[in-house]
Amino acid sequence: KICNLRKWTGENIMEREFKWKANSDDYNKILKDLNLSEDEAIEMHASYYDTAAHWLRSHKIALCLRRENDKQVCCLKLQDAARDGLHVHDEFECSAASLNDGLNELPKHGAPSDLCAALKTETLIAVCETKFHRRRALWQAPDFTAEIVFDDGVLICQDKQKAFIEIECEQKSGDDKAFESACMAISKKFVLKSESKSKFSRALDLERA
């Protein structure tokens, strides 16, 4: 047992996002329907880490180093829960040159300090990767702001790879119910299929493929 997860400290930062199994044509139609303009695309590469005993995985925790173009961040996601394509979890991230650097800095951004301290004493190994091209657009609705993206890339675990494409819509601010209603309306209008698993979880599934 690394630490008691009930003893979290710091600010709780909740991420709310919808995930759909969809293609670039769907994304283009959504942008046109919402009259949105694309921002600069991002090349993303994330390496996920765990203990040899898979402690993080067993507690629904994802720890990764993620490169976004020329920027690198350390990201910690806790207890992902999904329903009808809506994923809700606590997320903390910071700029980091290394995993240890990230674990030192994450508590300053609200992450549980006891968990980060405990993980620094563990031998953490890379367990899977994701590499993808991200198209993105900012959606400024009357009651909320969100970013809607299209990801096209590959999931990697050990010597196995699997291509993937998906659309995500992440709430940035505003009313939760208005965001959910708007996303559900998009899902219905464009007949989008919900994605119940995170990229991390799907990459790990390759172990058993």
Protein backbone atom coordinates (compact mmCIF):
# COMPACT_ATOMS: atom_id res chain seq x y z
CA LYS A 1 0.00 0.00 0.00
CA ILE A 2 1.61 3.26 -1.13
CA CYS A 3 -0.64 5.70 0.74
CA ASN A 4 -4.17 6.33 1.95
CA LEU A 5 -6.04 7.91 -0.96
CA ARG A 6 -8.54 9.49 1.43
CA LYS A 7 -5.84 11.81 2.75
CA TRP A 8 -5.65 13.98 -0.35
CA THR A 9 -4.44 17.51 0.16
CA GLY A 10 -4.68 20.60 -1.99
CA GLU A 11 -7.33 21.90 -4.35
CA ASN A 12 -9.62 19.44 -6.14
CA ILE A 13 -9.43 20.09 -9.91
CA MET A 14 -12.18 18.24 -11.74
CA GLU A 15 -11.94 17.53 -15.45
CA ARG A 16 -15.14 16.83 -17.38
CA GLU A 17 -15.01 15.67 -20.98
CA PHE A 18 -17.02 13.69 -23.50
CA LYS A 19 -15.34 11.07 -25.68
CA TRP A 20 -16.80 9.73 -28.90
CA LYS A 21 -15.72 7.15 -31.45
CA ALA A 22 -15.80 9.32 -34.57
CA ASN A 23 -13.85 10.28 -37.68
CA SER A 24 -12.50 13.48 -39.22
CA ASP A 25 -15.63 13.96 -41.34
CA ASP A 26 -17.72 13.98 -38.17
CA TYR A 27 -15.35 16.54 -36.64
CA ASN A 28 -15.50 18.78 -39.71
CA LYS A 29 -19.32 18.67 -39.67
CA ILE A 30 -19.42 19.57 -35.98
CA LEU A 31 -17.09 22.53 -36.45
CA LYS A 32 -19.18 23.77 -39.37
CA ASP A 33 -22.41 23.32 -37.41
CA LEU A 34 -21.04 25.27 -34.43
CA ASN A 35 -19.28 27.81 -36.68
CA LEU A 36 -15.93 27.16 -34.98
CA SER A 37 -12.43 27.94 -36.31
CA GLU A 38 -9.49 25.61 -35.66
CA ASP A 39 -6.47 26.62 -33.59
CA GLU A 40 -2.95 25.36 -34.27
CA ALA A 41 -2.76 21.56 -34.18
CA ILE A 42 -0.60 19.76 -31.60
CA GLU A 43 1.62 16.67 -31.89
CA MET A 44 1.24 14.73 -28.64
CA HIS A 45 3.23 11.85 -27.16
CA ALA A 46 2.44 10.50 -23.70
CA SER A 47 4.33 7.84 -21.73
CA TYR A 48 2.40 6.29 -18.82
CA TYR A 49 4.06 4.91 -15.68
CA ASP A 50 3.17 2.45 -12.93
CA THR A 51 4.79 0.36 -10.21
CA ALA A 52 5.82 -3.22 -10.94
CA ALA A 53 2.79 -4.37 -8.92
CA HIS A 54 0.46 -2.15 -11.01
CA TRP A 55 -0.62 -0.14 -7.96
CA LEU A 56 -1.67 2.92 -9.94
CA ARG A 57 -3.71 0.92 -12.42
CA SER A 58 -5.52 -0.95 -9.64
CA HIS A 59 -6.55 2.39 -8.09
CA LYS A 60 -7.70 3.96 -11.40
CA ILE A 61 -4.80 6.41 -11.40
CA ALA A 62 -2.90 7.51 -14.51
CA LEU A 63 0.55 9.12 -14.27
CA CYS A 64 2.25 10.28 -17.43
CA LEU A 65 4.85 12.51 -19.02
CA ARG A 66 3.27 14.13 -22.07
CA ARG A 67 4.97 16.12 -24.81
CA GLU A 68 2.82 18.70 -26.58
CA ASN A 69 4.84 19.99 -29.53
CA ASP A 70 7.91 21.46 -27.76
CA LYS A 71 6.35 21.56 -24.29
CA GLN A 72 6.52 18.69 -21.76
CA VAL A 73 4.14 18.24 -18.83
CA CYS A 74 3.64 15.72 -16.03
CA CYS A 75 0.00 14.75 -15.57
CA LEU A 76 -1.78 12.88 -12.76
CA LYS A 77 -5.39 11.71 -13.23
CA LEU A 78 -7.35 10.17 -10.36
CA GLN A 79 -10.37 7.87 -10.37
CA ASP A 80 -11.78 8.22 -13.87
CA ALA A 81 -15.52 7.50 -14.04
CA ALA A 82 -17.45 7.32 -17.32
CA ARG A 83 -21.15 7.40 -18.17
CA ASP A 84 -22.67 7.82 -21.64
CA GLY A 85 -19.35 9.10 -22.96
CA LEU A 86 -18.85 11.66 -20.15
CA HIS A 87 -15.57 11.13 -18.30
CA VAL A 88 -15.09 12.82 -14.94
CA HIS A 89 -11.86 12.71 -12.93
CA ASP A 90 -9.48 14.80 -10.86
CA GLU A 91 -6.59 16.03 -12.99
CA PHE A 92 -3.38 17.83 -12.06
CA GLU A 93 -0.52 18.82 -14.35
CA CYS A 94 2.62 20.93 -14.43
CA SER A 95 5.60 21.61 -16.67
CA ALA A 96 8.29 19.01 -16.00
CA ALA A 97 11.68 18.03 -17.40
CA SER A 98 11.39 14.53 -15.88
CA LEU A 99 8.97 12.32 -13.96
CA ASN A 100 10.69 13.06 -10.65
CA ASP A 101 10.57 16.78 -11.42
CA GLY A 102 6.85 16.45 -12.06
CA LEU A 103 6.19 14.60 -8.81
CA ASN A 104 8.04 17.37 -6.97
CA GLU A 105 5.95 20.10 -8.63
CA LEU A 106 2.49 18.54 -8.86
CA PRO A 107 1.54 19.22 -5.19
CA LYS A 108 2.02 22.94 -5.90
CA HIS A 109 -0.76 22.56 -8.47
CA GLY A 110 -3.19 20.83 -6.12
CA ALA A 111 -2.16 17.17 -6.43
CA PRO A 112 -2.16 14.98 -3.28
CA SER A 113 1.22 15.62 -1.66
CA ASP A 114 1.29 12.28 0.19
CA LEU A 115 0.67 10.34 -3.03
CA CYS A 116 3.37 12.24 -4.93
CA ALA A 117 5.86 11.80 -2.09
CA ALA A 118 5.13 8.07 -1.91
CA LEU A 119 5.50 7.63 -5.67
CA LYS A 120 8.94 9.26 -5.56
CA THR A 121 10.12 6.37 -3.38
CA GLU A 122 8.81 3.75 -5.84
CA THR A 123 10.47 2.34 -8.94
CA LEU A 124 8.18 3.54 -11.72
CA ILE A 125 8.30 1.86 -15.11
CA ALA A 126 6.86 2.90 -18.46
CA VAL A 127 3.88 0.63 -19.21
CA CYS A 128 2.36 2.11 -22.39
CA GLU A 129 2.36 5.10 -24.75
CA THR A 130 0.07 7.16 -26.92
CA LYS A 131 1.13 9.16 -29.97
CA PHE A 132 -1.35 11.31 -31.86
CA HIS A 133 -2.06 14.42 -33.91
CA ARG A 134 -4.62 16.71 -32.25
CA ARG A 135 -6.83 19.14 -34.13
CA ARG A 136 -8.58 21.56 -31.78
CA ALA A 137 -11.09 24.39 -31.63
CA LEU A 138 -12.41 26.58 -28.82
CA TRP A 139 -16.18 26.47 -28.29
CA GLN A 140 -17.49 29.57 -26.52
CA ALA A 141 -21.15 28.95 -25.81
CA PRO A 142 -23.38 31.34 -23.82
CA ASP A 143 -23.24 29.22 -20.63
CA PHE A 144 -19.87 27.46 -20.90
CA THR A 145 -16.52 27.30 -22.67
CA ALA A 146 -15.08 24.04 -23.99
CA GLU A 147 -12.38 22.73 -26.29
CA ILE A 148 -13.45 20.24 -28.93
CA VAL A 149 -10.66 18.14 -30.45
CA PHE A 150 -10.05 15.35 -32.95
CA ASP A 151 -7.25 12.89 -32.13
CA ASP A 152 -5.70 10.60 -34.74
CA GLY A 153 -2.86 8.34 -33.66
CA VAL A 154 -1.67 5.08 -32.17
CA LEU A 155 -1.81 3.28 -28.82
CA ILE A 156 1.36 1.37 -27.87
CA CYS A 157 1.91 -1.31 -25.23
CA GLN A 158 4.98 -3.55 -25.19
CA ASP A 159 5.41 -4.65 -28.82
CA LYS A 160 1.78 -4.08 -29.81
CA GLN A 161 0.20 -1.08 -31.50
CA LYS A 162 -3.33 -0.07 -32.40
CA ALA A 163 -4.49 2.91 -34.43
CA PHE A 164 -7.30 5.07 -33.04
CA ILE A 165 -9.39 8.11 -33.90
CA GLU A 166 -11.77 9.94 -31.58
CA ILE A 167 -13.42 13.24 -30.75
CA GLU A 168 -13.22 14.76 -27.28
CA CYS A 169 -14.99 17.79 -25.86
CA GLU A 170 -13.50 19.10 -22.60
CA GLN A 171 -15.30 21.64 -20.46
CA LYS A 172 -13.07 24.59 -19.54
CA SER A 173 -15.52 26.73 -17.57
CA GLY A 174 -19.20 27.49 -17.05
CA ASP A 175 -22.34 25.54 -16.19
CA ASP A 176 -21.99 21.75 -15.99
CA LYS A 177 -25.56 20.97 -17.00
CA ALA A 178 -25.46 23.32 -19.99
CA PHE A 179 -22.22 21.69 -21.14
CA GLU A 180 -23.64 18.18 -20.79
CA SER A 181 -26.86 19.08 -22.59
CA ALA A 182 -25.00 20.69 -25.50
CA CYS A 183 -22.67 17.70 -25.87
CA MET A 184 -25.56 15.24 -25.73
CA ALA A 185 -27.29 17.27 -28.45
CA ILE A 186 -24.18 17.02 -30.64
CA SER A 187 -23.95 13.29 -29.99
CA LYS A 188 -27.58 12.80 -31.03
CA LYS A 189 -27.43 15.10 -34.08
CA PHE A 190 -24.31 13.49 -35.55
CA VAL A 191 -25.06 9.95 -34.29
CA LEU A 192 -21.80 9.69 -32.35
CA LYS A 193 -20.93 6.52 -30.44
CA SER A 194 -19.71 7.00 -26.87
CA GLU A 195 -16.17 5.94 -25.92
CA SER A 196 -16.25 4.47 -22.41
CA LYS A 197 -12.49 3.99 -21.95
CA SER A 198 -9.57 6.41 -21.70
CA LYS A 199 -6.60 6.20 -24.07
CA PHE A 200 -4.54 4.86 -21.15
CA SER A 201 -7.03 2.07 -20.47
CA ARG A 202 -7.26 1.10 -24.14
CA ALA A 203 -3.49 1.03 -24.46
CA LEU A 204 -3.26 -1.32 -21.48
CA ASP A 205 -5.89 -3.55 -23.11
CA LEU A 206 -3.26 -4.37 -25.74
CA GLU A 207 -1.44 -6.47 -23.12
CA ARG A 208 -4.27 -8.98 -23.35
CA ALA A 209 -4.87 -8.64 -27.09
